[in-house]
N, C-alpha and C. Protein backbone atom coordinates (compact mmCIF):
# COMPACT_ATOMS: atom_id res chain seq x y z
N MET A 1 -15.86 -111.62 -2.02
CA MET A 1 -14.94 -111.33 -0.94
C MET A 1 -13.62 -112.08 -1.14
N LEU A 2 -13.69 -113.34 -1.60
CA LEU A 2 -12.46 -114.11 -1.81
C LEU A 2 -11.59 -113.47 -2.88
N GLU A 3 -12.21 -112.93 -3.91
CA GLU A 3 -11.43 -112.26 -4.94
C GLU A 3 -10.71 -111.05 -4.37
N ARG A 4 -11.37 -110.31 -3.50
CA ARG A 4 -10.74 -109.15 -2.87
C ARG A 4 -9.58 -109.59 -1.97
N ILE A 5 -9.78 -110.67 -1.24
CA ILE A 5 -8.71 -111.19 -0.38
C ILE A 5 -7.54 -111.63 -1.26
N GLN A 6 -7.86 -112.31 -2.35
CA GLN A 6 -6.83 -112.78 -3.28
C GLN A 6 -5.98 -111.62 -3.79
N GLN A 7 -6.58 -110.46 -3.93
CA GLN A 7 -5.87 -109.28 -4.41
C GLN A 7 -5.17 -108.52 -3.29
N GLY A 8 -5.26 -109.03 -2.05
CA GLY A 8 -4.55 -108.44 -0.93
C GLY A 8 -5.35 -107.42 -0.14
N ASP A 9 -6.67 -107.45 -0.25
CA ASP A 9 -7.53 -106.51 0.47
C ASP A 9 -7.64 -106.93 1.94
N ALA A 10 -6.95 -106.19 2.81
CA ALA A 10 -6.93 -106.52 4.24
C ALA A 10 -8.31 -106.36 4.87
N GLY A 11 -9.11 -105.42 4.38
CA GLY A 11 -10.45 -105.22 4.93
C GLY A 11 -11.34 -106.42 4.66
N ALA A 12 -11.24 -106.99 3.46
CA ALA A 12 -12.02 -108.19 3.13
C ALA A 12 -11.56 -109.36 3.99
N PHE A 13 -10.25 -109.45 4.22
CA PHE A 13 -9.73 -110.52 5.07
C PHE A 13 -10.24 -110.36 6.50
N GLU A 14 -10.27 -109.14 6.99
CA GLU A 14 -10.79 -108.89 8.34
C GLU A 14 -12.26 -109.29 8.45
N THR A 15 -13.03 -109.02 7.40
CA THR A 15 -14.43 -109.43 7.38
C THR A 15 -14.55 -110.95 7.46
N LEU A 16 -13.74 -111.65 6.67
CA LEU A 16 -13.73 -113.12 6.70
C LEU A 16 -13.34 -113.61 8.09
N TYR A 17 -12.32 -113.02 8.65
CA TYR A 17 -11.85 -113.40 9.99
C TYR A 17 -12.98 -113.24 11.01
N ASN A 18 -13.63 -112.09 11.00
CA ASN A 18 -14.71 -111.84 11.97
C ASN A 18 -15.91 -112.76 11.75
N GLN A 19 -16.11 -113.16 10.51
CA GLN A 19 -17.25 -114.03 10.19
C GLN A 19 -17.02 -115.47 10.66
N TYR A 20 -15.78 -115.93 10.62
CA TYR A 20 -15.50 -117.35 10.89
C TYR A 20 -14.81 -117.63 12.21
N ARG A 21 -14.20 -116.67 12.85
CA ARG A 21 -13.32 -116.98 13.99
C ARG A 21 -14.04 -117.63 15.17
N HIS A 22 -15.25 -117.20 15.49
CA HIS A 22 -15.94 -117.79 16.65
C HIS A 22 -16.38 -119.23 16.36
N LYS A 23 -16.87 -119.47 15.15
CA LYS A 23 -17.25 -120.84 14.77
C LYS A 23 -16.02 -121.74 14.78
N LEU A 24 -14.95 -121.22 14.22
CA LEU A 24 -13.70 -121.97 14.15
C LEU A 24 -13.18 -122.29 15.56
N TYR A 25 -13.20 -121.31 16.43
CA TYR A 25 -12.73 -121.50 17.79
C TYR A 25 -13.52 -122.61 18.48
N GLY A 26 -14.84 -122.57 18.35
CA GLY A 26 -15.68 -123.58 18.99
C GLY A 26 -15.42 -124.98 18.45
N PHE A 27 -15.27 -125.08 17.15
CA PHE A 27 -15.00 -126.38 16.52
C PHE A 27 -13.67 -126.95 16.99
N ILE A 28 -12.64 -126.13 16.97
CA ILE A 28 -11.30 -126.61 17.35
C ILE A 28 -11.23 -126.92 18.84
N LEU A 29 -11.90 -126.12 19.65
CA LEU A 29 -11.89 -126.37 21.09
C LEU A 29 -12.47 -127.75 21.41
N ARG A 30 -13.47 -128.16 20.66
CA ARG A 30 -14.04 -129.50 20.87
C ARG A 30 -13.01 -130.59 20.54
N LEU A 31 -12.11 -130.33 19.58
CA LEU A 31 -11.08 -131.30 19.23
C LEU A 31 -9.93 -131.31 20.23
N THR A 32 -9.49 -130.12 20.61
CA THR A 32 -8.27 -130.03 21.42
C THR A 32 -8.50 -130.01 22.91
N LYS A 33 -9.65 -129.52 23.35
CA LYS A 33 -9.97 -129.37 24.77
C LYS A 33 -9.00 -128.40 25.46
N SER A 34 -8.35 -127.55 24.68
CA SER A 34 -7.37 -126.62 25.25
C SER A 34 -7.56 -125.24 24.62
N PRO A 35 -7.92 -124.24 25.43
CA PRO A 35 -8.07 -122.88 24.88
C PRO A 35 -6.77 -122.34 24.27
N GLU A 36 -5.62 -122.66 24.88
CA GLU A 36 -4.35 -122.17 24.36
C GLU A 36 -4.05 -122.77 22.99
N MET A 37 -4.20 -124.09 22.87
CA MET A 37 -3.97 -124.75 21.60
C MET A 37 -4.95 -124.24 20.55
N THR A 38 -6.19 -124.07 20.96
CA THR A 38 -7.23 -123.60 20.05
C THR A 38 -6.88 -122.23 19.50
N ALA A 39 -6.46 -121.34 20.36
CA ALA A 39 -6.08 -120.00 19.90
C ALA A 39 -4.91 -120.07 18.92
N ASP A 40 -3.94 -120.95 19.18
CA ASP A 40 -2.81 -121.12 18.26
C ASP A 40 -3.27 -121.61 16.89
N ILE A 41 -4.18 -122.58 16.89
CA ILE A 41 -4.64 -123.13 15.62
C ILE A 41 -5.45 -122.09 14.84
N VAL A 42 -6.32 -121.36 15.53
CA VAL A 42 -7.11 -120.32 14.86
C VAL A 42 -6.18 -119.32 14.20
N GLN A 43 -5.18 -118.88 14.94
CA GLN A 43 -4.22 -117.93 14.38
C GLN A 43 -3.49 -118.53 13.19
N ASP A 44 -3.07 -119.77 13.32
CA ASP A 44 -2.34 -120.45 12.25
C ASP A 44 -3.20 -120.59 10.99
N VAL A 45 -4.47 -120.94 11.16
CA VAL A 45 -5.37 -121.12 10.02
C VAL A 45 -5.53 -119.81 9.26
N PHE A 46 -5.80 -118.74 9.98
CA PHE A 46 -6.00 -117.46 9.28
C PHE A 46 -4.71 -116.94 8.67
N LEU A 47 -3.58 -117.20 9.31
CA LEU A 47 -2.31 -116.82 8.72
C LEU A 47 -2.09 -117.59 7.41
N LYS A 48 -2.39 -118.87 7.43
CA LYS A 48 -2.24 -119.71 6.23
C LYS A 48 -3.18 -119.24 5.12
N ILE A 49 -4.40 -118.85 5.46
CA ILE A 49 -5.34 -118.34 4.46
C ILE A 49 -4.76 -117.09 3.80
N TRP A 50 -4.22 -116.20 4.61
CA TRP A 50 -3.65 -114.97 4.07
C TRP A 50 -2.44 -115.27 3.19
N GLU A 51 -1.57 -116.17 3.65
CA GLU A 51 -0.38 -116.52 2.87
C GLU A 51 -0.73 -117.21 1.56
N ASP A 52 -1.79 -118.02 1.56
CA ASP A 52 -2.17 -118.80 0.37
C ASP A 52 -3.26 -118.12 -0.45
N ARG A 53 -3.54 -116.87 -0.20
CA ARG A 53 -4.66 -116.19 -0.86
C ARG A 53 -4.54 -116.19 -2.39
N ALA A 54 -3.33 -116.24 -2.91
CA ALA A 54 -3.15 -116.25 -4.37
C ALA A 54 -3.69 -117.54 -5.00
N ARG A 55 -3.83 -118.58 -4.21
CA ARG A 55 -4.29 -119.88 -4.73
C ARG A 55 -5.82 -120.01 -4.73
N PHE A 56 -6.52 -119.01 -4.24
CA PHE A 56 -7.98 -119.11 -4.14
C PHE A 56 -8.66 -119.32 -5.48
N SER A 57 -8.02 -118.92 -6.56
CA SER A 57 -8.66 -119.10 -7.87
C SER A 57 -8.83 -120.58 -8.19
N HIS A 58 -8.03 -121.44 -7.56
CA HIS A 58 -8.11 -122.89 -7.80
C HIS A 58 -9.06 -123.58 -6.83
N VAL A 59 -9.54 -122.86 -5.82
CA VAL A 59 -10.42 -123.43 -4.81
C VAL A 59 -11.86 -123.40 -5.32
N GLN A 60 -12.45 -124.58 -5.43
CA GLN A 60 -13.82 -124.66 -5.94
C GLN A 60 -14.84 -124.35 -4.84
N SER A 61 -14.56 -124.81 -3.62
CA SER A 61 -15.46 -124.56 -2.51
C SER A 61 -14.64 -124.06 -1.33
N PHE A 62 -14.76 -122.78 -1.01
CA PHE A 62 -13.99 -122.23 0.09
C PHE A 62 -14.35 -122.92 1.40
N SER A 63 -15.62 -123.21 1.59
CA SER A 63 -16.07 -123.86 2.82
C SER A 63 -15.36 -125.20 3.01
N HIS A 64 -15.28 -125.99 1.95
CA HIS A 64 -14.60 -127.29 2.03
C HIS A 64 -13.11 -127.08 2.28
N TYR A 65 -12.51 -126.16 1.55
CA TYR A 65 -11.09 -125.83 1.72
C TYR A 65 -10.81 -125.42 3.17
N PHE A 66 -11.65 -124.55 3.69
CA PHE A 66 -11.50 -124.01 5.04
C PHE A 66 -11.61 -125.13 6.07
N HIS A 67 -12.64 -125.95 5.98
CA HIS A 67 -12.83 -127.03 6.96
C HIS A 67 -11.71 -128.07 6.88
N SER A 68 -11.26 -128.37 5.67
CA SER A 68 -10.15 -129.32 5.52
C SER A 68 -8.88 -128.77 6.16
N MET A 69 -8.60 -127.49 5.94
CA MET A 69 -7.42 -126.88 6.51
C MET A 69 -7.50 -126.90 8.04
N VAL A 70 -8.64 -126.54 8.58
CA VAL A 70 -8.82 -126.50 10.03
C VAL A 70 -8.61 -127.90 10.62
N TYR A 71 -9.23 -128.89 10.02
CA TYR A 71 -9.11 -130.25 10.51
C TYR A 71 -7.65 -130.71 10.46
N ASN A 72 -7.00 -130.50 9.31
CA ASN A 72 -5.61 -130.94 9.15
C ASN A 72 -4.68 -130.22 10.12
N ARG A 73 -4.84 -128.94 10.30
CA ARG A 73 -4.00 -128.19 11.24
C ARG A 73 -4.21 -128.71 12.67
N SER A 74 -5.44 -128.98 13.03
CA SER A 74 -5.74 -129.48 14.37
C SER A 74 -5.10 -130.84 14.60
N ILE A 75 -5.27 -131.74 13.64
CA ILE A 75 -4.70 -133.08 13.77
C ILE A 75 -3.18 -133.02 13.83
N ASN A 76 -2.57 -132.19 12.98
CA ASN A 76 -1.10 -132.07 12.98
C ASN A 76 -0.59 -131.55 14.31
N LEU A 77 -1.28 -130.58 14.88
CA LEU A 77 -0.87 -130.05 16.18
C LEU A 77 -1.00 -131.12 17.26
N LEU A 78 -2.09 -131.86 17.26
CA LEU A 78 -2.27 -132.92 18.25
C LEU A 78 -1.21 -134.00 18.10
N LYS A 79 -0.84 -134.33 16.87
CA LYS A 79 0.22 -135.32 16.65
C LYS A 79 1.55 -134.81 17.20
N ARG A 80 1.84 -133.53 16.94
CA ARG A 80 3.09 -132.96 17.42
C ARG A 80 3.14 -133.00 18.95
N ILE A 81 2.04 -132.64 19.58
CA ILE A 81 2.00 -132.63 21.04
C ILE A 81 2.15 -134.05 21.59
N ALA A 82 1.50 -135.01 20.95
CA ALA A 82 1.64 -136.41 21.39
C ALA A 82 3.08 -136.88 21.26
N PHE A 83 3.74 -136.50 20.17
CA PHE A 83 5.13 -136.89 19.98
C PHE A 83 6.02 -136.23 21.03
N GLU A 84 5.80 -134.94 21.29
CA GLU A 84 6.57 -134.24 22.30
C GLU A 84 6.35 -134.88 23.67
N ASP A 85 5.11 -135.22 23.97
CA ASP A 85 4.80 -135.87 25.25
C ASP A 85 5.57 -137.18 25.39
N GLU A 86 5.61 -137.93 24.30
CA GLU A 86 6.30 -139.22 24.32
C GLU A 86 7.79 -139.03 24.64
N ILE A 87 8.43 -138.08 23.98
CA ILE A 87 9.86 -137.83 24.22
C ILE A 87 10.08 -137.32 25.64
N VAL A 88 9.27 -136.35 26.05
CA VAL A 88 9.44 -135.77 27.38
C VAL A 88 9.16 -136.80 28.46
N ASN A 89 8.15 -137.63 28.29
CA ASN A 89 7.86 -138.68 29.27
C ASN A 89 9.04 -139.64 29.40
N GLN A 90 9.61 -140.03 28.26
CA GLN A 90 10.75 -140.94 28.29
C GLN A 90 11.93 -140.31 29.03
N LEU A 91 12.24 -139.05 28.72
CA LEU A 91 13.34 -138.38 29.40
C LEU A 91 13.05 -138.17 30.88
N SER A 92 11.82 -137.85 31.21
CA SER A 92 11.44 -137.66 32.61
C SER A 92 11.60 -138.95 33.40
N LYS A 93 11.21 -140.08 32.79
CA LYS A 93 11.35 -141.37 33.46
C LYS A 93 12.82 -141.68 33.72
N GLU A 94 13.67 -141.37 32.70
CA GLU A 94 15.10 -141.60 32.86
C GLU A 94 15.67 -140.77 34.01
N ALA A 95 15.07 -139.59 34.21
CA ALA A 95 15.54 -138.71 35.30
C ALA A 95 14.83 -139.03 36.61
N GLY A 96 13.90 -139.99 36.59
CA GLY A 96 13.17 -140.35 37.79
C GLY A 96 12.04 -139.40 38.12
N ASN A 97 11.55 -138.69 37.12
CA ASN A 97 10.46 -137.73 37.32
C ASN A 97 9.33 -138.04 36.35
N SER A 98 8.17 -137.45 36.62
CA SER A 98 7.05 -137.52 35.70
C SER A 98 6.34 -136.18 35.73
N GLU A 99 5.39 -136.00 34.86
CA GLU A 99 4.65 -134.73 34.84
C GLU A 99 3.98 -134.50 36.20
N GLU A 100 3.49 -135.59 36.80
CA GLU A 100 2.81 -135.45 38.09
C GLU A 100 3.80 -135.09 39.19
N SER A 101 4.99 -135.71 39.18
CA SER A 101 5.92 -135.46 40.27
C SER A 101 6.72 -134.18 40.07
N ASP A 102 6.91 -133.77 38.82
CA ASP A 102 7.69 -132.55 38.59
C ASP A 102 7.23 -131.85 37.32
N PRO A 103 6.14 -131.10 37.40
CA PRO A 103 5.62 -130.42 36.21
C PRO A 103 6.57 -129.36 35.66
N VAL A 104 7.41 -128.78 36.51
CA VAL A 104 8.35 -127.77 36.05
C VAL A 104 9.38 -128.40 35.11
N LEU A 105 9.94 -129.52 35.52
CA LEU A 105 10.91 -130.21 34.67
C LEU A 105 10.25 -130.67 33.38
N TYR A 106 9.07 -131.22 33.50
CA TYR A 106 8.33 -131.71 32.34
C TYR A 106 8.11 -130.59 31.32
N ASN A 107 7.65 -129.44 31.78
CA ASN A 107 7.41 -128.31 30.88
C ASN A 107 8.70 -127.74 30.31
N GLU A 108 9.75 -127.75 31.12
CA GLU A 108 11.04 -127.26 30.63
C GLU A 108 11.60 -128.17 29.54
N LEU A 109 11.43 -129.48 29.70
CA LEU A 109 11.88 -130.41 28.66
C LEU A 109 11.09 -130.20 27.36
N ARG A 110 9.81 -129.99 27.48
CA ARG A 110 8.97 -129.74 26.30
C ARG A 110 9.42 -128.45 25.60
N ARG A 111 9.69 -127.40 26.37
CA ARG A 111 10.16 -126.14 25.79
C ARG A 111 11.51 -126.34 25.10
N LYS A 112 12.37 -127.10 25.74
CA LYS A 112 13.70 -127.37 25.18
C LYS A 112 13.58 -128.14 23.86
N LEU A 113 12.69 -129.11 23.80
CA LEU A 113 12.49 -129.87 22.57
C LEU A 113 12.06 -128.95 21.43
N ARG A 114 11.08 -128.10 21.68
CA ARG A 114 10.63 -127.16 20.65
C ARG A 114 11.75 -126.24 20.20
N HIS A 115 12.55 -125.79 21.15
CA HIS A 115 13.67 -124.90 20.83
C HIS A 115 14.69 -125.63 19.94
N LEU A 116 14.98 -126.87 20.27
CA LEU A 116 15.94 -127.64 19.47
C LEU A 116 15.42 -127.87 18.05
N VAL A 117 14.16 -128.19 17.92
CA VAL A 117 13.58 -128.39 16.58
C VAL A 117 13.68 -127.10 15.78
N ASP A 118 13.43 -125.98 16.42
CA ASP A 118 13.52 -124.69 15.73
C ASP A 118 14.94 -124.37 15.30
N GLN A 119 15.94 -124.94 15.96
CA GLN A 119 17.35 -124.69 15.63
C GLN A 119 17.87 -125.55 14.49
N LEU A 120 17.13 -126.57 14.11
CA LEU A 120 17.58 -127.45 13.03
C LEU A 120 17.72 -126.65 11.73
N PRO A 121 18.66 -127.05 10.87
CA PRO A 121 18.71 -126.43 9.55
C PRO A 121 17.36 -126.62 8.85
N GLU A 122 17.01 -125.69 7.99
CA GLU A 122 15.65 -125.66 7.43
C GLU A 122 15.19 -126.99 6.84
N GLN A 123 15.99 -127.61 5.99
CA GLN A 123 15.56 -128.85 5.35
C GLN A 123 15.39 -129.98 6.38
N GLN A 124 16.30 -130.05 7.35
CA GLN A 124 16.17 -131.06 8.41
C GLN A 124 14.90 -130.81 9.22
N ARG A 125 14.63 -129.55 9.54
CA ARG A 125 13.43 -129.20 10.31
C ARG A 125 12.17 -129.59 9.54
N VAL A 126 12.15 -129.31 8.25
CA VAL A 126 10.98 -129.66 7.44
C VAL A 126 10.78 -131.18 7.42
N VAL A 127 11.84 -131.92 7.18
CA VAL A 127 11.75 -133.38 7.13
C VAL A 127 11.35 -133.93 8.50
N TYR A 128 11.96 -133.41 9.57
CA TYR A 128 11.63 -133.85 10.92
C TYR A 128 10.14 -133.64 11.21
N ARG A 129 9.64 -132.44 10.92
CA ARG A 129 8.24 -132.14 11.23
C ARG A 129 7.29 -132.98 10.39
N LEU A 130 7.61 -133.18 9.13
CA LEU A 130 6.74 -134.02 8.29
C LEU A 130 6.70 -135.45 8.83
N SER A 131 7.84 -135.93 9.31
CA SER A 131 7.90 -137.29 9.83
C SER A 131 7.32 -137.41 11.23
N LYS A 132 7.82 -136.63 12.15
CA LYS A 132 7.48 -136.82 13.56
C LYS A 132 6.21 -136.11 13.98
N GLU A 133 5.89 -135.00 13.36
CA GLU A 133 4.71 -134.25 13.77
C GLU A 133 3.50 -134.54 12.90
N GLU A 134 3.73 -134.76 11.61
CA GLU A 134 2.60 -135.02 10.71
C GLU A 134 2.44 -136.49 10.39
N GLY A 135 3.42 -137.31 10.78
CA GLY A 135 3.29 -138.75 10.65
C GLY A 135 3.46 -139.29 9.24
N LEU A 136 4.10 -138.53 8.35
CA LEU A 136 4.30 -139.02 6.99
C LEU A 136 5.40 -140.07 6.96
N LYS A 137 5.27 -141.02 6.06
CA LYS A 137 6.30 -142.03 5.86
C LYS A 137 7.45 -141.41 5.08
N GLN A 138 8.62 -142.01 5.21
CA GLN A 138 9.80 -141.46 4.54
C GLN A 138 9.62 -141.35 3.03
N GLU A 139 8.96 -142.33 2.44
CA GLU A 139 8.72 -142.29 0.99
C GLU A 139 7.81 -141.11 0.61
N GLU A 140 6.81 -140.86 1.44
CA GLU A 140 5.90 -139.74 1.19
C GLU A 140 6.63 -138.40 1.30
N ILE A 141 7.52 -138.32 2.26
CA ILE A 141 8.31 -137.09 2.44
C ILE A 141 9.19 -136.87 1.21
N ALA A 142 9.84 -137.92 0.77
CA ALA A 142 10.72 -137.81 -0.41
C ALA A 142 9.93 -137.32 -1.63
N ARG A 143 8.75 -137.89 -1.83
CA ARG A 143 7.91 -137.45 -2.96
C ARG A 143 7.46 -136.00 -2.80
N GLN A 144 6.99 -135.67 -1.61
CA GLN A 144 6.47 -134.33 -1.37
C GLN A 144 7.55 -133.26 -1.53
N LEU A 145 8.76 -133.55 -1.06
CA LEU A 145 9.83 -132.55 -1.12
C LEU A 145 10.70 -132.69 -2.38
N ASN A 146 10.40 -133.73 -3.17
CA ASN A 146 11.15 -133.99 -4.39
C ASN A 146 12.64 -134.19 -4.10
N ILE A 147 12.92 -135.03 -3.09
CA ILE A 147 14.28 -135.39 -2.74
C ILE A 147 14.35 -136.92 -2.65
N SER A 148 15.56 -137.45 -2.62
CA SER A 148 15.71 -138.90 -2.58
C SER A 148 15.37 -139.45 -1.20
N LEU A 149 15.03 -140.72 -1.18
CA LEU A 149 14.73 -141.39 0.08
C LEU A 149 15.95 -141.39 1.00
N SER A 150 17.14 -141.57 0.45
CA SER A 150 18.35 -141.56 1.27
C SER A 150 18.59 -140.17 1.88
N THR A 151 18.21 -139.11 1.18
CA THR A 151 18.34 -137.76 1.72
C THR A 151 17.38 -137.57 2.90
N VAL A 152 16.17 -138.10 2.76
CA VAL A 152 15.21 -138.04 3.86
C VAL A 152 15.77 -138.76 5.08
N LYS A 153 16.30 -139.96 4.87
CA LYS A 153 16.85 -140.73 5.98
C LYS A 153 18.02 -140.00 6.65
N THR A 154 18.86 -139.38 5.84
CA THR A 154 20.00 -138.63 6.37
C THR A 154 19.52 -137.46 7.21
N HIS A 155 18.56 -136.70 6.69
CA HIS A 155 18.02 -135.55 7.44
C HIS A 155 17.39 -136.00 8.76
N LEU A 156 16.64 -137.09 8.73
CA LEU A 156 16.01 -137.60 9.97
C LEU A 156 17.07 -138.04 10.98
N SER A 157 18.05 -138.75 10.51
CA SER A 157 19.10 -139.24 11.39
C SER A 157 19.85 -138.08 12.04
N ARG A 158 20.22 -137.10 11.24
CA ARG A 158 20.96 -135.95 11.77
C ARG A 158 20.10 -135.13 12.74
N SER A 159 18.83 -134.96 12.40
CA SER A 159 17.96 -134.17 13.28
C SER A 159 17.76 -134.89 14.61
N MET A 160 17.56 -136.20 14.58
CA MET A 160 17.36 -136.95 15.82
C MET A 160 18.64 -136.95 16.67
N THR A 161 19.80 -137.05 16.03
CA THR A 161 21.07 -137.00 16.76
C THR A 161 21.22 -135.65 17.46
N PHE A 162 20.92 -134.58 16.73
CA PHE A 162 21.00 -133.23 17.29
C PHE A 162 20.04 -133.07 18.47
N ILE A 163 18.81 -133.53 18.30
CA ILE A 163 17.80 -133.38 19.35
C ILE A 163 18.17 -134.22 20.57
N ARG A 164 18.57 -135.46 20.36
CA ARG A 164 18.97 -136.30 21.50
C ARG A 164 20.13 -135.67 22.26
N SER A 165 21.10 -135.19 21.52
CA SER A 165 22.26 -134.56 22.14
C SER A 165 21.84 -133.33 22.93
N GLY A 166 21.02 -132.49 22.33
CA GLY A 166 20.56 -131.27 22.99
C GLY A 166 19.69 -131.54 24.19
N LEU A 167 18.80 -132.53 24.09
CA LEU A 167 17.94 -132.87 25.22
C LEU A 167 18.73 -133.53 26.33
N GLY A 168 19.73 -134.32 25.96
CA GLY A 168 20.56 -134.97 26.98
C GLY A 168 21.26 -133.96 27.85
N SER A 169 21.93 -133.00 27.21
CA SER A 169 22.63 -131.98 27.99
C SER A 169 21.63 -131.07 28.69
N GLY A 170 20.53 -130.80 28.03
CA GLY A 170 19.50 -129.97 28.64
C GLY A 170 18.91 -130.63 29.87
N LEU A 171 18.74 -131.93 29.81
CA LEU A 171 18.19 -132.67 30.95
C LEU A 171 19.14 -132.61 32.13
N VAL A 172 20.44 -132.77 31.87
CA VAL A 172 21.43 -132.70 32.95
C VAL A 172 21.41 -131.31 33.59
N ILE A 173 21.39 -130.26 32.76
CA ILE A 173 21.39 -128.88 33.27
C ILE A 173 20.13 -128.60 34.07
N ILE A 174 18.99 -129.02 33.56
CA ILE A 174 17.72 -128.76 34.25
C ILE A 174 17.69 -129.49 35.59
N CYS A 175 18.11 -130.75 35.60
CA CYS A 175 18.13 -131.51 36.86
C CYS A 175 19.09 -130.87 37.86
N TRP A 176 20.24 -130.41 37.38
CA TRP A 176 21.21 -129.75 38.24
C TRP A 176 20.63 -128.48 38.83
N GLN A 177 19.97 -127.66 37.99
CA GLN A 177 19.34 -126.41 38.46
C GLN A 177 18.28 -126.71 39.52
N MET A 178 17.49 -127.76 39.29
CA MET A 178 16.43 -128.10 40.24
C MET A 178 17.03 -128.59 41.56
N ALA A 179 18.14 -129.32 41.48
CA ALA A 179 18.78 -129.81 42.71
C ALA A 179 19.31 -128.63 43.53
N LEU A 180 19.83 -127.61 42.86
CA LEU A 180 20.32 -126.43 43.56
C LEU A 180 19.19 -125.66 44.23
N GLN A 181 18.00 -125.69 43.66
CA GLN A 181 16.86 -124.97 44.21
C GLN A 181 16.29 -125.65 45.45
N GLN A 182 16.57 -126.93 45.63
CA GLN A 182 15.97 -127.67 46.75
C GLN A 182 16.77 -127.54 48.02
């Protein structure tokens, strides 16, 4: 079946998907405790399998490959969410709000953060995500991307400046909108 998937056989991929999706969903749900997050990770895992299907010839044990990918994707998502929570909590405190006192503002700040990260130039976005969401050290990022350490530092600095600037103005606009609604 893996050989057929490697050759682009969508039917074989669908069979694999149907065979593993329920087990995968249950496993990830135990890690995340969130059906929404779990569904995102399941989708991401199968998308990655399809995109990387040409590399299956190098995979000695699909089961090991599959479980490692699932675990890594889950951990990376949880790290990203923790980092987003940290930023949003800090901004909410500065505005005198918290998730408990104003869940609308809290969720809007989280959405704004994701939007800003998506707007970063590609290389900055990649470096930012490797650092802030996956927790890699700057030296590891430089090695992985085959760029200099100073380039990594520059990308991180620029991305953080852009995000702080965007969240700052976004926070003012959101607070103003909420004040008008009251």
